[in-house]
Amino acid sequence: MSKVKEAVEVEVPVHTAYNQWTQFEEYPNFMEGVEEVRQLDDSHNHWVTRIGGVRREFDTEIVDQLPDERITWRTTGGDTHQKGMVSFQRLDDSHTRVQLVMEIEPSGLAEKAADATGVIDRRVKGDMRRFKEYIEGRGTESGSWRGRIKPQ
């Protein structure tokens, strides 16, 4: 299992950064290799990714979500095994620290090679940089979901 951790400071209020992150179907706009995210209900998403030429489909479940603070998820279906959390820290009225921590269990030869050579780590760093550019370029969120999901 590999652990990837990356943080960026974005020049938007915490609620704006958090609200945009809840717009899962927008992820292909800033996440390299993510072809589609389909929100199935408040806590489940279906993902289609392509990494190193390998197409994967899997489902995720949000297991903890607290507005303006964190979103925690895990995979529930498919051959990709991961869990993660994104947290939001208010720095001041117009700046937020967004930190992503993921644990990934590479399943195929291409994913294991990508992990061993640091490709996954670089991709996550790039995704966070692109999120920063995306939200700062917009200046406001494209939507929001402010519901609370509690761990069971």
N, C-alpha and C. Protein backbone atom coordinates (compact mmCIF):
# COMPACT_ATOMS: atom_id res chain seq x y z
N MET A 1 0.85 -1.17 0.00
CA MET A 1 0.00 0.00 0.00
C MET A 1 0.89 1.23 0.00
N SER A 2 0.62 2.13 -0.91
CA SER A 2 1.37 3.39 -1.01
C SER A 2 0.54 4.52 -0.45
N LYS A 3 1.20 5.46 0.18
CA LYS A 3 0.52 6.64 0.72
C LYS A 3 1.01 7.86 -0.04
N VAL A 4 0.06 8.64 -0.52
CA VAL A 4 0.37 9.86 -1.26
C VAL A 4 -0.25 11.02 -0.48
N LYS A 5 0.51 12.07 -0.29
CA LYS A 5 0.04 13.23 0.46
C LYS A 5 0.48 14.49 -0.27
N GLU A 6 -0.47 15.40 -0.48
CA GLU A 6 -0.15 16.66 -1.14
C GLU A 6 -1.11 17.74 -0.65
N ALA A 7 -0.60 18.95 -0.52
CA ALA A 7 -1.41 20.09 -0.08
C ALA A 7 -1.14 21.29 -0.98
N VAL A 8 -2.17 22.11 -1.14
CA VAL A 8 -2.02 23.37 -1.85
C VAL A 8 -2.76 24.45 -1.07
N GLU A 9 -2.30 25.65 -1.21
CA GLU A 9 -3.01 26.81 -0.66
C GLU A 9 -3.74 27.47 -1.81
N VAL A 10 -5.05 27.61 -1.66
CA VAL A 10 -5.86 28.23 -2.71
C VAL A 10 -6.36 29.57 -2.24
N GLU A 11 -6.46 30.49 -3.18
CA GLU A 11 -6.88 31.85 -2.85
C GLU A 11 -8.39 32.00 -3.03
N VAL A 12 -9.11 31.23 -2.22
CA VAL A 12 -10.57 31.33 -2.13
C VAL A 12 -10.95 31.00 -0.68
N PRO A 13 -12.12 31.45 -0.23
CA PRO A 13 -12.56 31.10 1.12
C PRO A 13 -12.75 29.59 1.27
N VAL A 14 -12.71 29.11 2.51
CA VAL A 14 -12.81 27.68 2.77
C VAL A 14 -14.10 27.09 2.20
N HIS A 15 -15.22 27.80 2.33
CA HIS A 15 -16.48 27.24 1.83
C HIS A 15 -16.47 27.09 0.31
N THR A 16 -15.77 27.99 -0.39
CA THR A 16 -15.69 27.90 -1.85
C THR A 16 -14.86 26.68 -2.26
N ALA A 17 -13.71 26.48 -1.63
CA ALA A 17 -12.87 25.32 -1.95
C ALA A 17 -13.62 24.02 -1.64
N TYR A 18 -14.23 23.96 -0.47
CA TYR A 18 -14.97 22.76 -0.08
C TYR A 18 -16.14 22.50 -1.04
N ASN A 19 -16.92 23.54 -1.31
CA ASN A 19 -18.08 23.37 -2.18
C ASN A 19 -17.66 22.83 -3.55
N GLN A 20 -16.57 23.36 -4.11
CA GLN A 20 -16.13 22.89 -5.42
C GLN A 20 -15.70 21.43 -5.35
N TRP A 21 -15.03 21.05 -4.27
CA TRP A 21 -14.56 19.66 -4.16
C TRP A 21 -15.74 18.69 -4.11
N THR A 22 -16.90 19.13 -3.64
CA THR A 22 -18.08 18.24 -3.58
C THR A 22 -18.71 18.04 -4.96
N GLN A 23 -18.24 18.74 -5.96
CA GLN A 23 -18.78 18.62 -7.32
C GLN A 23 -17.99 17.55 -8.08
N PHE A 24 -18.22 16.31 -7.71
CA PHE A 24 -17.42 15.19 -8.19
C PHE A 24 -17.41 15.06 -9.71
N GLU A 25 -18.51 15.37 -10.36
CA GLU A 25 -18.59 15.22 -11.81
C GLU A 25 -17.72 16.25 -12.54
N GLU A 26 -17.20 17.24 -11.81
CA GLU A 26 -16.28 18.23 -12.39
C GLU A 26 -14.81 17.77 -12.35
N TYR A 27 -14.52 16.67 -11.66
CA TYR A 27 -13.13 16.23 -11.49
C TYR A 27 -12.35 16.07 -12.80
N PRO A 28 -12.95 15.59 -13.89
CA PRO A 28 -12.17 15.49 -15.13
C PRO A 28 -11.60 16.83 -15.60
N ASN A 29 -12.14 17.95 -15.11
CA ASN A 29 -11.62 19.26 -15.48
C ASN A 29 -10.26 19.56 -14.87
N PHE A 30 -9.88 18.84 -13.82
CA PHE A 30 -8.58 19.12 -13.20
C PHE A 30 -7.82 17.87 -12.76
N MET A 31 -8.41 16.69 -12.87
CA MET A 31 -7.71 15.47 -12.48
C MET A 31 -7.29 14.69 -13.72
N GLU A 32 -5.99 14.62 -13.94
CA GLU A 32 -5.44 13.90 -15.07
C GLU A 32 -5.77 12.41 -14.94
N GLY A 33 -6.21 11.83 -16.02
CA GLY A 33 -6.51 10.40 -16.02
C GLY A 33 -7.93 10.07 -15.60
N VAL A 34 -8.66 11.04 -15.07
CA VAL A 34 -10.06 10.81 -14.70
C VAL A 34 -10.91 11.17 -15.91
N GLU A 35 -11.54 10.15 -16.49
CA GLU A 35 -12.37 10.38 -17.67
C GLU A 35 -13.80 10.77 -17.30
N GLU A 36 -14.31 10.18 -16.21
CA GLU A 36 -15.68 10.46 -15.81
C GLU A 36 -15.88 10.10 -14.34
N VAL A 37 -16.66 10.91 -13.65
CA VAL A 37 -17.16 10.58 -12.32
C VAL A 37 -18.66 10.81 -12.38
N ARG A 38 -19.40 9.79 -12.04
CA ARG A 38 -20.86 9.87 -12.03
C ARG A 38 -21.33 9.74 -10.59
N GLN A 39 -22.02 10.74 -10.10
CA GLN A 39 -22.53 10.70 -8.74
C GLN A 39 -23.81 9.88 -8.73
N LEU A 40 -23.80 8.78 -7.95
CA LEU A 40 -24.93 7.86 -7.91
C LEU A 40 -25.96 8.28 -6.87
N ASP A 41 -25.48 8.78 -5.73
CA ASP A 41 -26.33 9.32 -4.67
C ASP A 41 -25.44 10.19 -3.79
N ASP A 42 -25.91 10.60 -2.62
CA ASP A 42 -25.13 11.52 -1.78
C ASP A 42 -23.78 10.96 -1.36
N SER A 43 -23.65 9.64 -1.27
CA SER A 43 -22.40 9.08 -0.75
C SER A 43 -21.70 8.09 -1.68
N HIS A 44 -22.20 7.91 -2.91
CA HIS A 44 -21.58 6.94 -3.82
C HIS A 44 -21.32 7.57 -5.19
N ASN A 45 -20.14 7.25 -5.73
CA ASN A 45 -19.73 7.73 -7.05
C ASN A 45 -19.18 6.57 -7.87
N HIS A 46 -19.36 6.65 -9.18
CA HIS A 46 -18.77 5.68 -10.10
C HIS A 46 -17.70 6.41 -10.91
N TRP A 47 -16.49 5.84 -10.94
CA TRP A 47 -15.33 6.46 -11.59
C TRP A 47 -14.92 5.67 -12.82
N VAL A 48 -14.45 6.40 -13.84
CA VAL A 48 -13.78 5.80 -14.99
C VAL A 48 -12.45 6.55 -15.12
N THR A 49 -11.35 5.80 -15.04
CA THR A 49 -10.02 6.41 -15.12
C THR A 49 -9.20 5.71 -16.21
N ARG A 50 -8.17 6.39 -16.65
CA ARG A 50 -7.21 5.80 -17.58
C ARG A 50 -5.82 6.25 -17.13
N ILE A 51 -5.04 5.30 -16.65
CA ILE A 51 -3.69 5.59 -16.17
C ILE A 51 -2.73 4.64 -16.87
N GLY A 52 -1.73 5.20 -17.53
CA GLY A 52 -0.76 4.38 -18.24
C GLY A 52 -1.41 3.52 -19.31
N GLY A 53 -2.47 4.02 -19.94
CA GLY A 53 -3.16 3.28 -20.98
C GLY A 53 -4.13 2.23 -20.47
N VAL A 54 -4.23 2.08 -19.14
CA VAL A 54 -5.11 1.08 -18.55
C VAL A 54 -6.39 1.76 -18.07
N ARG A 55 -7.52 1.30 -18.59
CA ARG A 55 -8.82 1.86 -18.21
C ARG A 55 -9.37 1.08 -17.02
N ARG A 56 -9.83 1.80 -16.01
CA ARG A 56 -10.39 1.18 -14.81
C ARG A 56 -11.74 1.82 -14.51
N GLU A 57 -12.65 1.01 -14.00
CA GLU A 57 -13.92 1.50 -13.47
C GLU A 57 -14.04 0.99 -12.05
N PHE A 58 -14.48 1.87 -11.17
CA PHE A 58 -14.67 1.47 -9.78
C PHE A 58 -15.65 2.41 -9.11
N ASP A 59 -16.13 2.00 -7.96
CA ASP A 59 -17.07 2.78 -7.18
C ASP A 59 -16.42 3.21 -5.87
N THR A 60 -16.83 4.37 -5.39
CA THR A 60 -16.36 4.85 -4.09
C THR A 60 -17.55 5.19 -3.21
N GLU A 61 -17.29 5.10 -1.91
CA GLU A 61 -18.29 5.46 -0.92
C GLU A 61 -17.70 6.51 0.01
N ILE A 62 -18.42 7.59 0.20
CA ILE A 62 -18.00 8.60 1.17
C ILE A 62 -18.42 8.09 2.54
N VAL A 63 -17.46 7.98 3.44
CA VAL A 63 -17.74 7.42 4.77
C VAL A 63 -17.77 8.49 5.86
N ASP A 64 -17.27 9.68 5.57
CA ASP A 64 -17.30 10.79 6.53
C ASP A 64 -17.20 12.08 5.74
N GLN A 65 -18.15 12.96 5.95
CA GLN A 65 -18.13 14.25 5.27
C GLN A 65 -18.66 15.31 6.22
N LEU A 66 -17.81 16.28 6.51
CA LEU A 66 -18.17 17.39 7.38
C LEU A 66 -17.89 18.69 6.63
N PRO A 67 -18.93 19.46 6.29
CA PRO A 67 -18.75 20.66 5.49
C PRO A 67 -17.63 21.57 6.01
N ASP A 68 -16.83 22.04 5.06
CA ASP A 68 -15.71 22.96 5.27
C ASP A 68 -14.56 22.34 6.05
N GLU A 69 -14.61 21.05 6.35
CA GLU A 69 -13.53 20.39 7.09
C GLU A 69 -12.92 19.20 6.38
N ARG A 70 -13.76 18.20 5.97
CA ARG A 70 -13.15 16.98 5.40
C ARG A 70 -14.16 16.16 4.63
N ILE A 71 -13.61 15.34 3.73
CA ILE A 71 -14.35 14.30 3.02
C ILE A 71 -13.46 13.07 3.02
N THR A 72 -13.98 11.94 3.52
CA THR A 72 -13.23 10.70 3.58
C THR A 72 -13.98 9.65 2.76
N TRP A 73 -13.24 8.86 1.96
CA TRP A 73 -13.87 7.86 1.10
C TRP A 73 -13.05 6.57 1.06
N ARG A 74 -13.66 5.55 0.45
CA ARG A 74 -13.00 4.28 0.19
C ARG A 74 -13.62 3.69 -1.07
N THR A 75 -12.87 2.83 -1.74
CA THR A 75 -13.45 2.14 -2.88
C THR A 75 -14.32 1.00 -2.38
N THR A 76 -15.35 0.70 -3.15
CA THR A 76 -16.27 -0.38 -2.77
C THR A 76 -16.45 -1.40 -3.88
N GLY A 77 -16.04 -1.09 -5.07
CA GLY A 77 -16.21 -2.01 -6.19
C GLY A 77 -15.19 -1.73 -7.26
N GLY A 78 -14.84 -2.77 -8.00
CA GLY A 78 -13.84 -2.64 -9.05
C GLY A 78 -12.52 -3.21 -8.56
N ASP A 79 -11.50 -3.09 -9.39
CA ASP A 79 -10.21 -3.68 -9.03
C ASP A 79 -9.19 -2.66 -8.55
N THR A 80 -9.64 -1.47 -8.22
CA THR A 80 -8.79 -0.44 -7.64
C THR A 80 -9.08 -0.38 -6.15
N HIS A 81 -8.03 -0.41 -5.35
CA HIS A 81 -8.21 -0.40 -3.90
C HIS A 81 -7.55 0.85 -3.32
N GLN A 82 -8.37 1.71 -2.78
CA GLN A 82 -7.84 2.94 -2.21
C GLN A 82 -8.79 3.47 -1.14
N LYS A 83 -8.24 4.33 -0.34
CA LYS A 83 -9.03 5.13 0.59
C LYS A 83 -8.31 6.46 0.71
N GLY A 84 -9.05 7.46 1.13
CA GLY A 84 -8.41 8.76 1.22
C GLY A 84 -9.25 9.77 1.95
N MET A 85 -8.63 10.92 2.13
CA MET A 85 -9.30 12.03 2.79
C MET A 85 -8.77 13.33 2.21
N VAL A 86 -9.67 14.27 2.00
CA VAL A 86 -9.28 15.62 1.66
C VAL A 86 -9.76 16.50 2.80
N SER A 87 -8.87 17.38 3.29
CA SER A 87 -9.24 18.26 4.39
C SER A 87 -9.04 19.71 3.95
N PHE A 88 -9.80 20.58 4.61
CA PHE A 88 -9.83 22.00 4.29
C PHE A 88 -9.55 22.79 5.55
N GLN A 89 -8.54 23.65 5.49
CA GLN A 89 -8.17 24.45 6.65
C GLN A 89 -8.25 25.93 6.27
N ARG A 90 -9.09 26.66 6.97
CA ARG A 90 -9.20 28.10 6.75
C ARG A 90 -7.91 28.77 7.21
N LEU A 91 -7.28 29.52 6.33
CA LEU A 91 -6.07 30.26 6.70
C LEU A 91 -6.43 31.70 7.05
N ASP A 92 -7.33 32.28 6.27
CA ASP A 92 -7.90 33.59 6.55
C ASP A 92 -9.17 33.70 5.70
N ASP A 93 -9.77 34.85 5.61
CA ASP A 93 -11.05 34.97 4.90
C ASP A 93 -10.98 34.60 3.42
N SER A 94 -9.79 34.66 2.82
CA SER A 94 -9.71 34.40 1.39
C SER A 94 -8.64 33.37 1.01
N HIS A 95 -8.15 32.60 1.97
CA HIS A 95 -7.14 31.57 1.68
C HIS A 95 -7.47 30.28 2.44
N THR A 96 -7.28 29.16 1.75
CA THR A 96 -7.58 27.85 2.33
C THR A 96 -6.47 26.87 1.97
N ARG A 97 -6.11 26.05 2.94
CA ARG A 97 -5.18 24.95 2.68
C ARG A 97 -6.02 23.71 2.41
N VAL A 98 -5.79 23.09 1.25
CA VAL A 98 -6.48 21.86 0.86
C VAL A 98 -5.44 20.75 0.86
N GLN A 99 -5.66 19.73 1.68
CA GLN A 99 -4.70 18.62 1.78
C GLN A 99 -5.38 17.32 1.40
N LEU A 100 -4.74 16.58 0.51
CA LEU A 100 -5.24 15.29 0.06
C LEU A 100 -4.28 14.20 0.53
N VAL A 101 -4.82 13.18 1.18
CA VAL A 101 -4.04 12.01 1.61
C VAL A 101 -4.75 10.79 1.05
N MET A 102 -4.02 9.97 0.30
CA MET A 102 -4.61 8.75 -0.28
C MET A 102 -3.71 7.56 -0.01
N GLU A 103 -4.34 6.44 0.26
CA GLU A 103 -3.65 5.16 0.35
C GLU A 103 -4.12 4.33 -0.83
N ILE A 104 -3.17 3.88 -1.64
CA ILE A 104 -3.48 3.17 -2.88
C ILE A 104 -2.78 1.83 -2.89
N GLU A 105 -3.52 0.81 -3.26
CA GLU A 105 -2.96 -0.53 -3.45
C GLU A 105 -2.97 -0.80 -4.95
N PRO A 106 -1.83 -0.61 -5.63
CA PRO A 106 -1.80 -0.86 -7.07
C PRO A 106 -2.16 -2.31 -7.37
N SER A 107 -3.01 -2.51 -8.40
CA SER A 107 -3.51 -3.86 -8.65
C SER A 107 -2.92 -4.51 -9.89
N GLY A 108 -2.60 -3.76 -10.90
CA GLY A 108 -2.08 -4.35 -12.13
C GLY A 108 -0.62 -4.00 -12.33
N LEU A 109 -0.03 -4.61 -13.33
CA LEU A 109 1.38 -4.37 -13.64
C LEU A 109 1.65 -2.90 -13.94
N ALA A 110 0.77 -2.28 -14.74
CA ALA A 110 0.97 -0.86 -15.09
C ALA A 110 0.87 0.03 -13.85
N GLU A 111 -0.10 -0.26 -12.97
CA GLU A 111 -0.25 0.55 -11.75
C GLU A 111 0.93 0.34 -10.81
N LYS A 112 1.41 -0.88 -10.70
CA LYS A 112 2.57 -1.14 -9.84
C LYS A 112 3.80 -0.42 -10.36
N ALA A 113 3.99 -0.42 -11.68
CA ALA A 113 5.12 0.29 -12.27
C ALA A 113 4.97 1.80 -12.06
N ALA A 114 3.74 2.31 -12.25
CA ALA A 114 3.50 3.74 -12.04
C ALA A 114 3.78 4.13 -10.60
N ASP A 115 3.42 3.28 -9.67
CA ASP A 115 3.66 3.55 -8.25
C ASP A 115 5.16 3.52 -7.95
N ALA A 116 5.84 2.51 -8.46
CA ALA A 116 7.27 2.34 -8.18
C ALA A 116 8.11 3.48 -8.75
N THR A 117 7.69 4.05 -9.86
CA THR A 117 8.46 5.11 -10.51
C THR A 117 8.00 6.51 -10.11
N GLY A 118 7.03 6.60 -9.19
CA GLY A 118 6.58 7.90 -8.70
C GLY A 118 5.55 8.59 -9.57
N VAL A 119 5.03 7.89 -10.57
CA VAL A 119 4.04 8.50 -11.47
C VAL A 119 2.77 8.88 -10.71
N ILE A 120 2.31 8.01 -9.83
CA ILE A 120 1.07 8.29 -9.09
C ILE A 120 1.26 9.52 -8.21
N ASP A 121 2.39 9.58 -7.51
CA ASP A 121 2.67 10.73 -6.65
C ASP A 121 2.70 12.03 -7.47
N ARG A 122 3.38 12.01 -8.62
CA ARG A 122 3.44 13.21 -9.47
C ARG A 122 2.07 13.58 -10.01
N ARG A 123 1.25 12.57 -10.32
CA ARG A 123 -0.08 12.85 -10.84
C ARG A 123 -0.93 13.55 -9.78
N VAL A 124 -0.87 13.07 -8.54
CA VAL A 124 -1.64 13.70 -7.46
C VAL A 124 -1.17 15.14 -7.24
N LYS A 125 0.13 15.36 -7.25
CA LYS A 125 0.66 16.72 -7.11
C LYS A 125 0.13 17.61 -8.23
N GLY A 126 0.13 17.09 -9.45
CA GLY A 126 -0.39 17.85 -10.59
C GLY A 126 -1.88 18.11 -10.46
N ASP A 127 -2.63 17.11 -9.99
CA ASP A 127 -4.08 17.29 -9.81
C ASP A 127 -4.37 18.39 -8.80
N MET A 128 -3.61 18.43 -7.73
CA MET A 128 -3.82 19.47 -6.72
C MET A 128 -3.46 20.85 -7.28
N ARG A 129 -2.40 20.93 -8.04
CA ARG A 129 -2.01 22.19 -8.68
C ARG A 129 -3.10 22.64 -9.66
N ARG A 130 -3.64 21.67 -10.42
CA ARG A 130 -4.70 22.01 -11.37
C ARG A 130 -6.00 22.39 -10.64
N PHE A 131 -6.29 21.78 -9.48
CA PHE A 131 -7.46 22.19 -8.70
C PHE A 131 -7.30 23.66 -8.29
N LYS A 132 -6.10 24.01 -7.82
CA LYS A 132 -5.82 25.39 -7.42
C LYS A 132 -6.10 26.35 -8.59
N GLU A 133 -5.57 26.02 -9.76
CA GLU A 133 -5.78 26.86 -10.95
C GLU A 133 -7.26 26.91 -11.33
N TYR A 134 -7.93 25.77 -11.22
CA TYR A 134 -9.34 25.67 -11.61
C TYR A 134 -10.22 26.54 -10.71
N ILE A 135 -10.08 26.40 -9.40
CA ILE A 135 -10.96 27.14 -8.49
C ILE A 135 -10.59 28.63 -8.45
N GLU A 136 -9.30 28.94 -8.50
CA GLU A 136 -8.92 30.35 -8.50
C GLU A 136 -9.33 31.02 -9.81
N GLY A 137 -9.25 30.28 -10.92
CA GLY A 137 -9.67 30.82 -12.21
C GLY A 137 -11.17 31.09 -12.27
N ARG A 138 -11.94 30.22 -11.63
CA ARG A 138 -13.40 30.39 -11.56
C ARG A 138 -13.76 31.50 -10.58
N GLY A 139 -13.06 31.52 -9.44
CA GLY A 139 -13.35 32.50 -8.39
C GLY A 139 -14.53 32.12 -7.52
N THR A 140 -15.33 31.19 -7.98
CA THR A 140 -16.49 30.73 -7.22
C THR A 140 -16.74 29.27 -7.58
N GLU A 141 -17.46 28.59 -6.73
CA GLU A 141 -17.74 27.18 -6.97
C GLU A 141 -18.81 27.00 -8.04
N SER A 142 -18.80 25.83 -8.70
CA SER A 142 -19.79 25.55 -9.74
C SER A 142 -21.07 24.95 -9.13
N GLY A 143 -21.04 24.64 -7.85
CA GLY A 143 -22.18 24.07 -7.14
C GLY A 143 -21.72 23.72 -5.74
N SER A 144 -22.60 23.08 -4.97
CA SER A 144 -22.21 22.69 -3.63
C SER A 144 -23.12 21.59 -3.12
N TRP A 145 -22.62 20.85 -2.17
CA TRP A 145 -23.42 19.92 -1.40
C TRP A 145 -22.93 20.04 0.03
N ARG A 146 -23.80 20.47 0.93
CA ARG A 146 -23.39 20.79 2.29
C ARG A 146 -23.89 19.77 3.31
N GLY A 147 -24.28 18.59 2.84
CA GLY A 147 -24.79 17.56 3.74
C GLY A 147 -23.70 16.97 4.62
N ARG A 148 -24.12 16.30 5.66
CA ARG A 148 -23.20 15.65 6.62
C ARG A 148 -23.35 14.15 6.50
N ILE A 149 -22.25 13.47 6.31
CA ILE A 149 -22.22 12.00 6.33
C ILE A 149 -21.36 11.62 7.51
N LYS A 150 -21.94 10.82 8.42
CA LYS A 150 -21.21 10.42 9.62
C LYS A 150 -20.69 9.00 9.49
N PRO A 151 -19.48 8.75 10.01
CA PRO A 151 -18.93 7.39 9.98
C PRO A 151 -19.84 6.44 10.76
N GLN A 152 -19.92 5.22 10.29
CA GLN A 152 -20.76 4.24 10.98
C GLN A 152 -19.94 3.27 11.77
